[in-house]
Amino acid sequence: MRLARIHGHVVSTAKHASLEGWRLLIAQPISGDGTADGPPQIVIDCLGAGIQQTVLITSDGSEARKLVGSELSPARWSVCGLVDPERALAV
């Protein structure tokens, strides 16, 4: 799991059938101090994350494929938690 900040929505005219109906977002992994930590990732969001919200993302492709219901899906990254800024501790 990694901390990430949501930067936007993904719009696609063509995508794998297993991703139809799923909300796809651009998530920028961040370090504890909020700076970028690696390349942005496209993530599946079933939790309703908002733009600029800090989230937890996972690269567990097996879980992402279970989420979309297809073992043939190219899904790898997904949002697995929303970070509450009121309760987050500074690192």
PDB file of N, CA and C in Angstrom:
ATOM      1  N   MET A   1       0.844  -1.176   0.000  1.00  0.00           N
ATOM      2  CA  MET A   1       0.000   0.000   0.000  1.00  0.00           C
ATOM      3  C   MET A   1       0.889   1.239   0.000  1.00  0.00           C
ATOM      4  N   ARG A   2       0.372   2.278  -0.656  1.00  0.00           N
ATOM      5  CA  ARG A   2       1.107   3.536  -0.739  1.00  0.00           C
ATOM      6  C   ARG A   2       0.140   4.698  -0.572  1.00  0.00           C
ATOM      7  N   LEU A   3       0.645   5.793  -0.034  1.00  0.00           N
ATOM      8  CA  LEU A   3      -0.113   7.033  -0.012  1.00  0.00           C
ATOM      9  C   LEU A   3      -0.086   7.637  -1.409  1.00  0.00           C
ATOM     10  N   ALA A   4      -1.181   8.244  -1.816  1.00  0.00           N
ATOM     11  CA  ALA A   4      -1.234   8.913  -3.116  1.00  0.00           C
ATOM     12  C   ALA A   4      -2.225  10.060  -3.038  1.00  0.00           C
ATOM     13  N   ARG A   5      -2.082  11.006  -3.962  1.00  0.00           N
ATOM     14  CA  ARG A   5      -3.021  12.116  -4.076  1.00  0.00           C
ATOM     15  C   ARG A   5      -3.705  12.006  -5.433  1.00  0.00           C
ATOM     16  N   ILE A   6      -5.017  12.155  -5.424  1.00  0.00           N
ATOM     17  CA  ILE A   6      -5.788  12.052  -6.667  1.00  0.00           C
ATOM     18  C   ILE A   6      -5.646  13.352  -7.447  1.00  0.00           C
ATOM     19  N   HIS A   7      -5.280  13.219  -8.736  1.00  0.00           N
ATOM     20  CA  HIS A   7      -5.056  14.394  -9.579  1.00  0.00           C
ATOM     21  C   HIS A   7      -6.097  14.578 -10.665  1.00  0.00           C
ATOM     22  N   GLY A   8      -6.877  13.567 -10.970  1.00  0.00           N
ATOM     23  CA  GLY A   8      -7.879  13.746 -12.010  1.00  0.00           C
ATOM     24  C   GLY A   8      -8.555  12.449 -12.403  1.00  0.00           C
ATOM     25  N   HIS A   9      -9.481  12.580 -13.351  1.00  0.00           N
ATOM     26  CA  HIS A   9     -10.228  11.435 -13.881  1.00  0.00           C
ATOM     27  C   HIS A   9      -9.594  10.964 -15.180  1.00  0.00           C
ATOM     28  N   VAL A  10      -9.767   9.694 -15.483  1.00  0.00           N
ATOM     29  CA  VAL A  10      -9.317   9.141 -16.752  1.00  0.00           C
ATOM     30  C   VAL A  10     -10.528   9.037 -17.659  1.00  0.00           C
ATOM     31  N   VAL A  11     -10.407   9.573 -18.867  1.00  0.00           N
ATOM     32  CA  VAL A  11     -11.467   9.475 -19.868  1.00  0.00           C
ATOM     33  C   VAL A  11     -10.931   8.640 -21.014  1.00  0.00           C
ATOM     34  N   SER A  12     -11.683   7.628 -21.414  1.00  0.00           N
ATOM     35  CA  SER A  12     -11.215   6.723 -22.452  1.00  0.00           C
ATOM     36  C   SER A  12     -12.346   6.382 -23.408  1.00  0.00           C
ATOM     37  N   THR A  13     -12.063   6.472 -24.695  1.00  0.00           N
ATOM     38  CA  THR A  13     -13.074   6.086 -25.689  1.00  0.00           C
ATOM     39  C   THR A  13     -13.062   4.583 -25.926  1.00  0.00           C
ATOM     40  N   ALA A  14     -11.953   3.940 -25.612  1.00  0.00           N
ATOM     41  CA  ALA A  14     -11.852   2.483 -25.739  1.00  0.00           C
ATOM     42  C   ALA A  14     -11.082   1.954 -24.539  1.00  0.00           C
ATOM     43  N   LYS A  15     -11.637   0.931 -23.902  1.00  0.00           N
ATOM     44  CA  LYS A  15     -10.941   0.315 -22.779  1.00  0.00           C
ATOM     45  C   LYS A  15     -11.331  -1.153 -22.686  1.00  0.00           C
ATOM     46  N   HIS A  16     -10.588  -1.892 -21.908  1.00  0.00           N
ATOM     47  CA  HIS A  16     -10.856  -3.310 -21.720  1.00  0.00           C
ATOM     48  C   HIS A  16     -12.274  -3.477 -21.182  1.00  0.00           C
ATOM     49  N   ALA A  17     -12.963  -4.497 -21.646  1.00  0.00           N
ATOM     50  CA  ALA A  17     -14.360  -4.731 -21.247  1.00  0.00           C
ATOM     51  C   ALA A  17     -14.527  -4.842 -19.733  1.00  0.00           C
ATOM     52  N   SER A  18     -13.531  -5.378 -19.033  1.00  0.00           N
ATOM     53  CA  SER A  18     -13.634  -5.537 -17.579  1.00  0.00           C
ATOM     54  C   SER A  18     -13.635  -4.203 -16.837  1.00  0.00           C
ATOM     55  N   LEU A  19     -13.213  -3.131 -17.503  1.00  0.00           N
ATOM     56  CA  LEU A  19     -13.164  -1.810 -16.859  1.00  0.00           C
ATOM     57  C   LEU A  19     -14.385  -0.951 -17.165  1.00  0.00           C
ATOM     58  N   GLU A  20     -15.290  -1.453 -17.994  1.00  0.00           N
ATOM     59  CA  GLU A  20     -16.525  -0.716 -18.297  1.00  0.00           C
ATOM     60  C   GLU A  20     -17.313  -0.471 -17.015  1.00  0.00           C
ATOM     61  N   GLY A  21     -17.722   0.760 -16.811  1.00  0.00           N
ATOM     62  CA  GLY A  21     -18.529   1.117 -15.644  1.00  0.00           C
ATOM     63  C   GLY A  21     -17.727   1.429 -14.388  1.00  0.00           C
ATOM     64  N   TRP A  22     -16.426   1.227 -14.420  1.00  0.00           N
ATOM     65  CA  TRP A  22     -15.592   1.531 -13.258  1.00  0.00           C
ATOM     66  C   TRP A  22     -15.008   2.927 -13.373  1.00  0.00           C
ATOM     67  N   ARG A  23     -14.912   3.601 -12.269  1.00  0.00           N
ATOM     68  CA  ARG A  23     -14.337   4.943 -12.204  1.00  0.00           C
ATOM     69  C   ARG A  23     -12.820   4.809 -12.146  1.00  0.00           C
ATOM     70  N   LEU A  24     -12.139   5.423 -13.117  1.00  0.00           N
ATOM     71  CA  LEU A  24     -10.682   5.383 -13.173  1.00  0.00           C
ATOM     72  C   LEU A  24     -10.126   6.769 -12.859  1.00  0.00           C
ATOM     73  N   LEU A  25      -9.115   6.813 -12.006  1.00  0.00           N
ATOM     74  CA  LEU A  25      -8.533   8.080 -11.564  1.00  0.00           C
ATOM     75  C   LEU A  25      -7.024   8.071 -11.760  1.00  0.00           C
ATOM     76  N   ILE A  26      -6.441   9.257 -11.797  1.00  0.00           N
ATOM     77  CA  ILE A  26      -4.987   9.409 -11.831  1.00  0.00           C
ATOM     78  C   ILE A  26      -4.534   9.681 -10.400  1.00  0.00           C
ATOM     79  N   ALA A  27      -3.687   8.796  -9.887  1.00  0.00           N
ATOM     80  CA  ALA A  27      -3.197   8.918  -8.514  1.00  0.00           C
ATOM     81  C   ALA A  27      -1.687   9.096  -8.526  1.00  0.00           C
ATOM     82  N   GLN A  28      -1.205  10.152  -7.893  1.00  0.00           N
ATOM     83  CA  GLN A  28       0.228  10.414  -7.787  1.00  0.00           C
ATOM     84  C   GLN A  28       0.717   9.891  -6.441  1.00  0.00           C
ATOM     85  N   PRO A  29       1.529   8.816  -6.427  1.00  0.00           N
ATOM     86  CA  PRO A  29       2.085   8.353  -5.146  1.00  0.00           C
ATOM     87  C   PRO A  29       2.879   9.479  -4.481  1.00  0.00           C
ATOM     88  N   ILE A  30       2.778   9.566  -3.158  1.00  0.00           N
ATOM     89  CA  ILE A  30       3.464  10.606  -2.405  1.00  0.00           C
ATOM     90  C   ILE A  30       4.193   9.994  -1.218  1.00  0.00           C
ATOM     91  N   SER A  31       5.210  10.710  -0.758  1.00  0.00           N
ATOM     92  CA  SER A  31       5.929  10.300   0.455  1.00  0.00           C
ATOM     93  C   SER A  31       5.205  10.896   1.659  1.00  0.00           C
ATOM     94  N   GLY A  32       5.702  10.606   2.833  1.00  0.00           N
ATOM     95  CA  GLY A  32       5.065  11.094   4.055  1.00  0.00           C
ATOM     96  C   GLY A  32       4.981  12.602   4.158  1.00  0.00           C
ATOM     97  N   ASP A  33       5.911  13.314   3.486  1.00  0.00           N
ATOM     98  CA  ASP A  33       5.876  14.780   3.535  1.00  0.00           C
ATOM     99  C   ASP A  33       5.055  15.391   2.397  1.00  0.00           C
ATOM    100  N   GLY A  34       4.425  14.544   1.580  1.00  0.00           N
ATOM    101  CA  GLY A  34       3.542  15.037   0.527  1.00  0.00           C
ATOM    102  C   GLY A  34       4.181  15.266  -0.819  1.00  0.00           C
ATOM    103  N   THR A  35       5.484  14.967  -0.960  1.00  0.00           N
ATOM    104  CA  THR A  35       6.143  15.150  -2.251  1.00  0.00           C
ATOM    105  C   THR A  35       5.946  13.916  -3.130  1.00  0.00           C
ATOM    106  N   ALA A  36       5.972  14.134  -4.442  1.00  0.00           N
ATOM    107  CA  ALA A  36       5.777  13.044  -5.396  1.00  0.00           C
ATOM    108  C   ALA A  36       6.814  11.954  -5.171  1.00  0.00           C
ATOM    109  N   ASP A  37       6.373  10.709  -5.267  1.00  0.00           N
ATOM    110  CA  ASP A  37       7.244   9.558  -5.034  1.00  0.00           C
ATOM    111  C   ASP A  37       6.982   8.500  -6.103  1.00  0.00           C
ATOM    112  N   GLY A  38       7.480   8.766  -7.310  1.00  0.00           N
ATOM    113  CA  GLY A  38       7.280   7.834  -8.408  1.00  0.00           C
ATOM    114  C   GLY A  38       6.288   8.362  -9.425  1.00  0.00           C
ATOM    115  N   PRO A  39       6.085   7.594 -10.495  1.00  0.00           N
ATOM    116  CA  PRO A  39       5.186   8.042 -11.557  1.00  0.00           C
ATOM    117  C   PRO A  39       3.717   7.923 -11.165  1.00  0.00           C
ATOM    118  N   PRO A  40       2.835   8.741 -11.756  1.00  0.00           N
ATOM    119  CA  PRO A  40       1.398   8.624 -11.496  1.00  0.00           C
ATOM    120  C   PRO A  40       0.886   7.255 -11.964  1.00  0.00           C
ATOM    121  N   GLN A  41      -0.163   6.785 -11.320  1.00  0.00           N
ATOM    122  CA  GLN A  41      -0.769   5.493 -11.658  1.00  0.00           C
ATOM    123  C   GLN A  41      -2.252   5.687 -11.958  1.00  0.00           C
ATOM    124  N   ILE A  42      -2.773   4.880 -12.854  1.00  0.00           N
ATOM    125  CA  ILE A  42      -4.214   4.849 -13.085  1.00  0.00           C
ATOM    126  C   ILE A  42      -4.785   3.817 -12.125  1.00  0.00           C
ATOM    127  N   VAL A  43      -5.760   4.234 -11.329  1.00  0.00           N
ATOM    128  CA  VAL A  43      -6.321   3.361 -10.297  1.00  0.00           C
ATOM    129  C   VAL A  43      -7.827   3.213 -10.479  1.00  0.00           C
ATOM    130  N   ILE A  44      -8.341   2.066 -10.069  1.00  0.00           N
ATOM    131  CA  ILE A  44      -9.781   1.829 -10.032  1.00  0.00           C
ATOM    132  C   ILE A  44     -10.287   2.359  -8.703  1.00  0.00           C
ATOM    133  N   ASP A  45     -11.370   3.123  -8.734  1.00  0.00           N
ATOM    134  CA  ASP A  45     -11.898   3.718  -7.506  1.00  0.00           C
ATOM    135  C   ASP A  45     -13.325   3.247  -7.270  1.00  0.00           C
ATOM    136  N   CYS A  46     -13.519   2.516  -6.182  1.00  0.00           N
ATOM    137  CA  CYS A  46     -14.875   2.106  -5.801  1.00  0.00           C
ATOM    138  C   CYS A  46     -15.302   2.787  -4.504  1.00  0.00           C
ATOM    139  N   LEU A  47     -14.458   3.712  -4.000  1.00  0.00           N
ATOM    140  CA  LEU A  47     -14.737   4.369  -2.718  1.00  0.00           C
ATOM    141  C   LEU A  47     -15.181   5.818  -2.849  1.00  0.00           C
ATOM    142  N   GLY A  48     -15.116   6.386  -4.055  1.00  0.00           N
ATOM    143  CA  GLY A  48     -15.568   7.759  -4.253  1.00  0.00           C
ATOM    144  C   GLY A  48     -14.549   8.819  -3.877  1.00  0.00           C
ATOM    145  N   ALA A  49     -13.288   8.561  -4.154  1.00  0.00           N
ATOM    146  CA  ALA A  49     -12.230   9.537  -3.846  1.00  0.00           C
ATOM    147  C   ALA A  49     -12.436  10.809  -4.665  1.00  0.00           C
ATOM    148  N   GLY A  50     -12.085  11.939  -4.077  1.00  0.00           N
ATOM    149  CA  GLY A  50     -12.220  13.227  -4.750  1.00  0.00           C
ATOM    150  C   GLY A  50     -10.881  13.761  -5.229  1.00  0.00           C
ATOM    151  N   ILE A  51     -10.940  14.733  -6.133  1.00  0.00           N
ATOM    152  CA  ILE A  51      -9.735  15.372  -6.650  1.00  0.00           C
ATOM    153  C   ILE A  51      -8.986  16.027  -5.486  1.00  0.00           C
ATOM    154  N   GLN A  52      -7.673  15.879  -5.450  1.00  0.00           N
ATOM    155  CA  GLN A  52      -6.756  16.379  -4.422  1.00  0.00           C
ATOM    156  C   GLN A  52      -6.894  15.650  -3.086  1.00  0.00           C
ATOM    157  N   GLN A  53      -7.699  14.611  -3.014  1.00  0.00           N
ATOM    158  CA  GLN A  53      -7.823  13.849  -1.776  1.00  0.00           C
ATOM    159  C   GLN A  53      -6.651  12.873  -1.651  1.00  0.00           C
ATOM    160  N   THR A  54      -6.191  12.682  -0.420  1.00  0.00           N
ATOM    161  CA  THR A  54      -5.147  11.704  -0.157  1.00  0.00           C
ATOM    162  C   THR A  54      -5.808  10.359   0.094  1.00  0.00           C
ATOM    163  N   VAL A  55      -5.264   9.332  -0.560  1.00  0.00           N
ATOM    164  CA  VAL A  55      -5.836   7.987  -0.486  1.00  0.00           C
ATOM    165  C   VAL A  55      -4.723   6.963  -0.271  1.00  0.00           C
ATOM    166  N   LEU A  56      -5.125   5.749   0.040  1.00  0.00           N
ATOM    167  CA  LEU A  56      -4.215   4.613   0.039  1.00  0.00           C
ATOM    168  C   LEU A  56      -4.495   3.836  -1.237  1.00  0.00           C
ATOM    169  N   ILE A  57      -3.434   3.486  -1.964  1.00  0.00           N
ATOM    170  CA  ILE A  57      -3.597   2.679  -3.168  1.00  0.00           C
ATOM    171  C   ILE A  57      -2.800   1.394  -2.999  1.00  0.00           C
ATOM    172  N   THR A  58      -3.217   0.356  -3.703  1.00  0.00           N
ATOM    173  CA  THR A  58      -2.520  -0.914  -3.664  1.00  0.00           C
ATOM    174  C   THR A  58      -2.243  -1.395  -5.076  1.00  0.00           C
ATOM    175  N   SER A  59      -1.101  -2.052  -5.244  1.00  0.00           N
ATOM    176  CA  SER A  59      -0.739  -2.601  -6.546  1.00  0.00           C
ATOM    177  C   SER A  59      -1.043  -4.091  -6.615  1.00  0.00           C
ATOM    178  N   ASP A  60      -1.891  -4.570  -5.737  1.00  0.00           N
ATOM    179  CA  ASP A  60      -2.269  -5.988  -5.723  1.00  0.00           C
ATOM    180  C   ASP A  60      -3.199  -6.271  -6.893  1.00  0.00           C
ATOM    181  N   GLY A  61      -2.610  -6.684  -8.012  1.00  0.00           N
ATOM    182  CA  GLY A  61      -3.385  -6.940  -9.224  1.00  0.00           C
ATOM    183  C   GLY A  61      -4.434  -8.007  -9.050  1.00  0.00           C
ATOM    184  N   SER A  62      -4.154  -9.003  -8.215  1.00  0.00           N
ATOM    185  CA  SER A  62      -5.127 -10.068  -7.962  1.00  0.00           C
ATOM    186  C   SER A  62      -6.402  -9.501  -7.344  1.00  0.00           C
ATOM    187  N   GLU A  63      -6.244  -8.616  -6.370  1.00  0.00           N
ATOM    188  CA  GLU A  63      -7.417  -7.977  -5.750  1.00  0.00           C
ATOM    189  C   GLU A  63      -8.150  -7.079  -6.734  1.00  0.00           C
ATOM    190  N   ALA A  64      -7.410  -6.341  -7.555  1.00  0.00           N
ATOM    191  CA  ALA A  64      -8.041  -5.462  -8.546  1.00  0.00           C
ATOM    192  C   ALA A  64      -8.852  -6.292  -9.539  1.00  0.00           C
ATOM    193  N   ARG A  65      -8.317  -7.435  -9.963  1.00  0.00           N
ATOM    194  CA  ARG A  65      -9.047  -8.291 -10.904  1.00  0.00           C
ATOM    195  C   ARG A  65     -10.287  -8.896 -10.254  1.00  0.00           C
ATOM    196  N   LYS A  66     -10.202  -9.233  -8.957  1.00  0.00           N
ATOM    197  CA  LYS A  66     -11.387  -9.715  -8.231  1.00  0.00           C
ATOM    198  C   LYS A  66     -12.435  -8.604  -8.153  1.00  0.00           C
ATOM    199  N   LEU A  67     -11.976  -7.392  -7.912  1.00  0.00           N
ATOM    200  CA  LEU A  67     -12.875  -6.245  -7.806  1.00  0.00           C
ATOM    201  C   LEU A  67     -13.697  -6.063  -9.073  1.00  0.00           C
ATOM    202  N   VAL A  68     -13.042  -6.159 -10.242  1.00  0.00           N
ATOM    203  CA  VAL A  68     -13.750  -5.953 -11.511  1.00  0.00           C
ATOM    204  C   VAL A  68     -14.404  -7.238 -12.017  1.00  0.00           C
ATOM    205  N   GLY A  69     -14.108  -8.359 -11.367  1.00  0.00           N
ATOM    206  CA  GLY A  69     -14.767  -9.612 -11.726  1.00  0.00           C
ATOM    207  C   GLY A  69     -14.236 -10.298 -12.969  1.00  0.00           C
ATOM    208  N   SER A  70     -12.956 -10.108 -13.272  1.00  0.00           N
ATOM    209  CA  SER A  70     -12.380 -10.737 -14.457  1.00  0.00           C
ATOM    210  C   SER A  70     -10.914 -11.075 -14.221  1.00  0.00           C
ATOM    211  N   GLU A  71     -10.573 -12.345 -14.334  1.00  0.00           N
ATOM    212  CA  GLU A  71      -9.181 -12.767 -14.199  1.00  0.00           C
ATOM    213  C   GLU A  71      -8.338 -12.334 -15.391  1.00  0.00           C
ATOM    214  N   LEU A  72      -8.982 -11.926 -16.494  1.00  0.00           N
ATOM    215  CA  LEU A  72      -8.269 -11.490 -17.690  1.00  0.00           C
ATOM    216  C   LEU A  72      -8.076  -9.978 -17.748  1.00  0.00           C
ATOM    217  N   SER A  73      -8.541  -9.276 -16.722  1.00  0.00           N
ATOM    218  CA  SER A  73      -8.461  -7.821 -16.701  1.00  0.00           C
ATOM    219  C   SER A  73      -7.014  -7.343 -16.568  1.00  0.00           C
ATOM    220  N   PRO A  74      -6.675  -6.226 -17.222  1.00  0.00           N
ATOM    221  CA  PRO A  74      -5.339  -5.645 -17.055  1.00  0.00           C
ATOM    222  C   PRO A  74      -5.228  -4.805 -15.775  1.00  0.00           C
ATOM    223  N   ALA A  75      -6.283  -4.783 -14.968  1.00  0.00           N
ATOM    224  CA  ALA A  75      -6.294  -3.962 -13.745  1.00  0.00           C
ATOM    225  C   ALA A  75      -5.177  -4.378 -12.793  1.00  0.00           C
ATOM    226  N   ARG A  76      -4.494  -3.376 -12.229  1.00  0.00           N
ATOM    227  CA  ARG A  76      -3.455  -3.655 -11.240  1.00  0.00           C
ATOM    228  C   ARG A  76      -3.612  -2.790 -10.000  1.00  0.00           C
ATOM    229  N   TRP A  77      -3.823  -1.487 -10.166  1.00  0.00           N
ATOM    230  CA  TRP A  77      -3.885  -0.557  -9.043  1.00  0.00           C
ATOM    231  C   TRP A  77      -5.333  -0.255  -8.667  1.00  0.00           C
ATOM    232  N   SER A  78      -5.598  -0.109  -7.375  1.00  0.00           N
ATOM    233  CA  SER A  78      -6.934   0.282  -6.921  1.00  0.00           C
ATOM    234  C   SER A  78      -6.821   1.100  -5.641  1.00  0.00           C
ATOM    235  N   VAL A  79      -7.849   1.897  -5.398  1.00  0.00           N
ATOM    236  CA  VAL A  79      -7.941   2.669  -4.153  1.00  0.00           C
ATOM    237  C   VAL A  79      -8.448   1.710  -3.087  1.00  0.00           C
ATOM    238  N   CYS A  80      -7.718   1.614  -1.967  1.00  0.00           N
ATOM    239  CA  CYS A  80      -8.155   0.710  -0.902  1.00  0.00           C
ATOM    240  C   CYS A  80      -8.486   1.459   0.390  1.00  0.00           C
ATOM    241  N   GLY A  81      -8.338   2.786   0.393  1.00  0.00           N
ATOM    242  CA  GLY A  81      -8.685   3.554   1.582  1.00  0.00           C
ATOM    243  C   GLY A  81      -8.640   5.046   1.324  1.00  0.00           C
ATOM    244  N   LEU A  82      -9.474   5.773   2.045  1.00  0.00           N
ATOM    245  CA  LEU A  82      -9.504   7.233   1.988  1.00  0.00           C
ATOM    246  C   LEU A  82      -8.874   7.756   3.277  1.00  0.00           C
ATOM    247  N   VAL A  83      -7.957   8.705   3.146  1.00  0.00           N
ATOM    248  CA  VAL A  83      -7.277   9.262   4.316  1.00  0.00           C
ATOM    249  C   VAL A  83      -8.073  10.444   4.838  1.00  0.00           C
ATOM    250  N   ASP A  84      -8.406  10.394   6.118  1.00  0.00           N
ATOM    251  CA  ASP A  84      -9.143  11.470   6.777  1.00  0.00           C
ATOM    252  C   ASP A  84      -8.126  12.532   7.234  1.00  0.00           C
ATOM    253  N   PRO A  85      -8.143  13.723   6.607  1.00  0.00           N
ATOM    254  CA  PRO A  85      -7.138  14.732   6.970  1.00  0.00           C
ATOM    255  C   PRO A  85      -7.243  15.187   8.419  1.00  0.00           C
ATOM    256  N   GLU A  86      -8.391  15.051   9.018  1.00  0.00           N
ATOM    257  CA  GLU A  86      -8.568  15.456  10.428  1.00  0.00           C
ATOM    258  C   GLU A  86      -7.842  14.512  11.377  1.00  0.00           C
ATOM    259  N   ARG A  87      -7.655  13.259  10.950  1.00  0.00           N
ATOM    260  CA  ARG A  87      -7.041  12.256  11.831  1.00  0.00           C
ATOM    261  C   ARG A  87      -5.656  11.835  11.386  1.00  0.00           C
ATOM    262  N   ALA A  88      -5.198  12.324  10.244  1.00  0.00           N
ATOM    263  CA  ALA A  88      -3.873  11.932   9.746  1.00  0.00           C
ATOM    264  C   ALA A  88      -2.791  12.517  10.637  1.00  0.00           C
ATOM    265  N   LEU A  89      -1.789  11.728  10.894  1.00  0.00           N
ATOM    266  CA  LEU A  89      -0.659  12.204  11.700  1.00  0.00           C
ATOM    267  C   LEU A  89       0.453  12.659  10.790  1.00  0.00           C
ATOM    268  N   ALA A  90       1.105  13.754  11.145  1.00  0.00           N
ATOM    269  CA  ALA A  90       2.252  14.231  10.356  1.00  0.00           C
ATOM    270  C   ALA A  90       3.416  13.268  10.562  1.00  0.00           C
ATOM    271  N   VAL A  91       4.065  12.919   9.461  1.00  0.00           N
ATOM    272  CA  VAL A  91       5.199  11.996   9.539  1.00  0.00           C
ATOM    273  C   VAL A  91       6.489  12.783   9.605  1.00  0.00           C
TER     274      VAL A  91
END
